[in-house]
C-alpha atoms as a PDB file:
ATOM      1  CA  MET A   1     133.196  85.886 101.320  1.00  0.00           C
ATOM      2  CA  LYS A   2     133.196  89.105  99.321  1.00  0.00           C
ATOM      3  CA  LEU A   3     131.278  90.940  96.625  1.00  0.00           C
ATOM      4  CA  ILE A   4     132.919  90.971  93.189  1.00  0.00           C
ATOM      5  CA  THR A   5     131.641  93.270  90.448  1.00  0.00           C
ATOM      6  CA  VAL A   6     132.532  93.727  86.788  1.00  0.00           C
ATOM      7  CA  ARG A   7     134.065  97.062  87.829  1.00  0.00           C
ATOM      8  CA  ASP A   8     136.331  95.180  90.258  1.00  0.00           C
ATOM      9  CA  LEU A   9     137.508  92.955  87.394  1.00  0.00           C
ATOM     10  CA  ILE A  10     138.201  96.003  85.237  1.00  0.00           C
ATOM     11  CA  GLN A  11     140.120  97.804  87.985  1.00  0.00           C
ATOM     12  CA  GLN A  12     142.290  94.732  88.631  1.00  0.00           C
ATOM     13  CA  LEU A  13     142.739  93.949  84.952  1.00  0.00           C
ATOM     14  CA  PRO A  14     146.227  95.364  84.277  1.00  0.00           C
ATOM     15  CA  GLU A  15     147.607  93.460  87.259  1.00  0.00           C
ATOM     16  CA  ARG A  16     145.816  90.258  86.264  1.00  0.00           C
ATOM     17  CA  TRP A  17     146.892  90.685  82.615  1.00  0.00           C
ATOM     18  CA  ARG A  18     150.543  91.181  83.508  1.00  0.00           C
ATOM     19  CA  SER A  19     150.449  88.225  85.896  1.00  0.00           C
ATOM     20  CA  GLN A  20     149.030  86.026  83.130  1.00  0.00           C
ATOM     21  CA  TYR A  21     151.391  87.060  80.348  1.00  0.00           C
ATOM     22  CA  ASP A  22     154.517  88.376  82.068  1.00  0.00           C
ATOM     23  CA  GLY A  23     154.576  86.257  85.204  1.00  0.00           C
ATOM     24  CA  PRO A  24     156.921  83.393  85.990  1.00  0.00           C
ATOM     25  CA  HIS A  25     155.014  81.025  83.696  1.00  0.00           C
ATOM     26  CA  GLY A  26     153.951  83.444  80.987  1.00  0.00           C
ATOM     27  CA  ASN A  27     156.884  85.652  80.066  1.00  0.00           C
ATOM     28  CA  GLU A  28     157.390  83.876  76.731  1.00  0.00           C
ATOM     29  CA  TYR A  29     154.040  85.438  75.708  1.00  0.00           C
ATOM     30  CA  TRP A  30     154.835  89.017  76.771  1.00  0.00           C
ATOM     31  CA  ASN A  31     155.672  90.372  73.321  1.00  0.00           C
ATOM     32  CA  THR A  32     153.541  88.100  71.191  1.00  0.00           C
ATOM     33  CA  VAL A  33     150.296  88.608  69.328  1.00  0.00           C
ATOM     34  CA  LEU A  34     147.791  86.085  70.641  1.00  0.00           C
ATOM     35  CA  GLU A  35     145.720  84.135  68.140  1.00  0.00           C
ATOM     36  CA  GLY A  36     141.953  84.557  68.052  1.00  0.00           C
ATOM     37  CA  ARG A  37     142.005  88.246  69.034  1.00  0.00           C
ATOM     38  CA  LYS A  38     140.163  90.996  67.178  1.00  0.00           C
ATOM     39  CA  ASN A  39     143.326  93.120  67.089  1.00  0.00           C
ATOM     40  CA  ASN A  40     147.011  92.633  66.297  1.00  0.00           C
ATOM     41  CA  LEU A  41     148.412  94.036  69.524  1.00  0.00           C
ATOM     42  CA  THR A  42     151.067  92.220  71.509  1.00  0.00           C
ATOM     43  CA  THR A  43     150.314  91.300  75.096  1.00  0.00           C
ATOM     44  CA  ALA A  44     152.721  94.043  76.216  1.00  0.00           C
ATOM     45  CA  GLN A  45     150.947  96.648  74.051  1.00  0.00           C
ATOM     46  CA  ILE A  46     147.606  95.583  75.487  1.00  0.00           C
ATOM     47  CA  TYR A  47     148.985  95.928  79.018  1.00  0.00           C
ATOM     48  CA  HIS A  48     150.237  99.464  78.334  1.00  0.00           C
ATOM     49  CA  LYS A  49     146.882 100.443  76.800  1.00  0.00           C
ATOM     50  CA  LEU A  50     145.084  99.066  79.871  1.00  0.00           C
ATOM     51  CA  MET A  51     147.430 101.016  82.156  1.00  0.00           C
ATOM     52  CA  SER A  52     146.594 104.234  80.305  1.00  0.00           C
ATOM     53  CA  LEU A  53     142.847 103.929  81.015  1.00  0.00           C
ATOM     54  CA  ASP A  54     140.920 105.487  83.869  1.00  0.00           C
ATOM     55  CA  LEU A  55     139.836 102.131  85.255  1.00  0.00           C
ATOM     56  CA  LYS A  56     137.222 103.719  87.531  1.00  0.00           C
ATOM     57  CA  ILE A  57     135.117 104.891  84.597  1.00  0.00           C
ATOM     58  CA  VAL A  58     136.231 103.134  81.387  1.00  0.00           C
ATOM     59  CA  SER A  59     133.461 101.162  79.707  1.00  0.00           C
ATOM     60  CA  ARG A  60     133.485  97.418  79.600  1.00  0.00           C
ATOM     61  CA  SER A  61     133.239  97.471  75.795  1.00  0.00           C
ATOM     62  CA  GLU A  62     136.313  99.709  75.515  1.00  0.00           C
ATOM     63  CA  VAL A  63     138.308  97.269  77.640  1.00  0.00           C
ATOM     64  CA  ASP A  64     137.005  94.327  75.594  1.00  0.00           C
ATOM     65  CA  ASP A  65     138.025  96.092  72.361  1.00  0.00           C
ATOM     66  CA  ILE A  66     141.568  96.624  73.635  1.00  0.00           C
ATOM     67  CA  ILE A  67     141.932  93.024  74.749  1.00  0.00           C
ATOM     68  CA  GLY A  68     140.221  91.638  71.658  1.00  0.00           C
ATOM     69  CA  ASN A  69     137.535  89.615  73.448  1.00  0.00           C
ATOM     70  CA  ASP A  70     135.205  89.837  76.457  1.00  0.00           C
ATOM     71  CA  THR A  71     136.477  86.980  78.607  1.00  0.00           C
ATOM     72  CA  TRP A  72     138.418  89.226  80.996  1.00  0.00           C
ATOM     73  CA  THR A  73     135.369  91.291  81.977  1.00  0.00           C
ATOM     74  CA  GLN A  74     132.859  88.490  82.506  1.00  0.00           C
ATOM     75  CA  ILE A  75     131.537  87.147  85.777  1.00  0.00           C
ATOM     76  CA  GLN A  76     129.723  83.820  85.679  1.00  0.00           C
ATOM     77  CA  CYS A  77     127.576  82.452  88.487  1.00  0.00           C
ATOM     78  CA  THR A  78     128.797  79.021  89.574  1.00  0.00           C
ATOM     79  CA  GLU A  79     125.237  77.830  90.238  1.00  0.00           C
ATOM     80  CA  CYS A  80     123.135  79.012  87.270  1.00  0.00           C
ATOM     81  CA  GLN A  81     126.042  79.567  84.838  1.00  0.00           C
ATOM     82  CA  GLU A  82     124.585  82.962  83.816  1.00  0.00           C
ATOM     83  CA  TYR A  83     126.871  85.922  83.130  1.00  0.00           C
ATOM     84  CA  VAL A  84     126.050  88.635  85.661  1.00  0.00           C
ATOM     85  CA  GLU A  85     127.295  92.038  86.838  1.00  0.00           C
ATOM     86  CA  GLU A  86     128.163  90.924  90.373  1.00  0.00           C
ATOM     87  CA  VAL A  87     128.506  87.837  92.543  1.00  0.00           C
ATOM     88  CA  ILE A  88     129.235  86.911  96.105  1.00  0.00           C
ATOM     89  CA  HIS A  89     132.528  85.032  96.025  1.00  0.00           C
ATOM     90  CA  PHE A  90     132.925  82.287  98.611  1.00  0.00           C
ATOM     91  CA  GLU A  91     136.587  81.504  99.212  1.00  0.00           C
ATOM     92  CA  GLU A  92     137.918  77.983  99.232  1.00  0.00           C
ATOM     93  CA  PRO A  93     138.026  76.614 102.754  1.00  0.00           C
ATOM     94  CA  PRO A  94     141.503  75.992 104.203  1.00  0.00           C
ATOM     95  CA  MET A  95     142.974  72.606 103.297  1.00  0.00           C
ATOM     96  CA  SER A  96     140.458  72.131 100.466  1.00  0.00           C
ATOM     97  CA  ILE A  97     140.856  70.935  96.921  1.00  0.00           C
ATOM     98  CA  GLU A  98     141.691  73.871  94.648  1.00  0.00           C
ATOM     99  CA  GLY A  99     138.734  75.162  92.646  1.00  0.00           C
ATOM    100  CA  ILE A 100     136.085  74.476  95.270  1.00  0.00           C
ATOM    101  CA  GLY A 101     135.252  78.184  95.820  1.00  0.00           C
ATOM    102  CA  ALA A 102     131.990  79.522  94.406  1.00  0.00           C
ATOM    103  CA  ASP A 103     130.678  82.712  92.776  1.00  0.00           C
ATOM    104  CA  ILE A 104     126.943  83.088  93.419  1.00  0.00           C
ATOM    105  CA  CYS A 105     124.672  85.697  91.810  1.00  0.00           C
ATOM    106  CA  LEU A 106     121.971  87.530  93.747  1.00  0.00           C
ATOM    107  CA  ASN A 107     119.184  85.500  92.129  1.00  0.00           C
ATOM    108  CA  CYS A 108     120.738  82.161  93.146  1.00  0.00           C
ATOM    109  CA  PHE A 109     121.611  83.525  96.576  1.00  0.00           C
ATOM    110  CA  ASP A 110     117.951  84.505  97.075  1.00  0.00           C
ATOM    111  CA  LYS A 111     116.811  81.051  95.930  1.00  0.00           C
ATOM    112  CA  ALA A 112     119.197  79.398  98.404  1.00  0.00           C
ATOM    113  CA  LEU A 113     118.019  81.654 101.232  1.00  0.00           C
ATOM    114  CA  ASN A 114     114.356  80.922 100.460  1.00  0.00           C
ATOM    115  CA  LEU A 115     115.100  77.190 100.317  1.00  0.00           C
ATOM    116  CA  TRP A 116     116.742  77.424 103.720  1.00  0.00           C
ATOM    117  CA  LYS A 117     113.816  79.381 105.162  1.00  0.00           C
ATOM    118  CA  ASP A 118     111.316  76.880 103.713  1.00  0.00           C
ATOM    119  CA  CYS A 119     113.215  73.928 105.185  1.00  0.00           C
ATOM    120  CA  LYS A 120     113.448  75.577 108.602  1.00  0.00           C
ATOM    121  CA  SER A 121     109.739  76.441 108.641  1.00  0.00           C
ATOM    122  CA  GLU A 122     108.806  72.848 107.673  1.00  0.00           C
ATOM    123  CA  LYS A 123     110.888  71.513 110.564  1.00  0.00           C
ATOM    124  CA  THR A 124     109.216  73.821 113.081  1.00  0.00           C
ATOM    125  CA  ALA A 125     105.687  73.158 111.790  1.00  0.00           C
END
């Protein structure tokens, strides 16, 4: 398990972007303009703009403007479905079905912990 923040997503973004659009399954999209974006940049141009940023301090909105949407800088809690700034990411267990990992926000984590405490106290009462 590990903590994932929006800043983590931003700092990993150029690598994730290149993997998506210039990887073994995406290289046909590397020099194309993607539909539904707010800009007319190619995926390669977006990558180079992302690489030119100081990813430790760049604002989320600046990154979103370069990409043309906000989907690459969002974190969604698996439990409550809210978009949050950070989650605890639980890895998939070995030999599991892909996609079984979970991203849990602090609010849902607290609720789960309180539920556990309540159940334990009922059993000891």
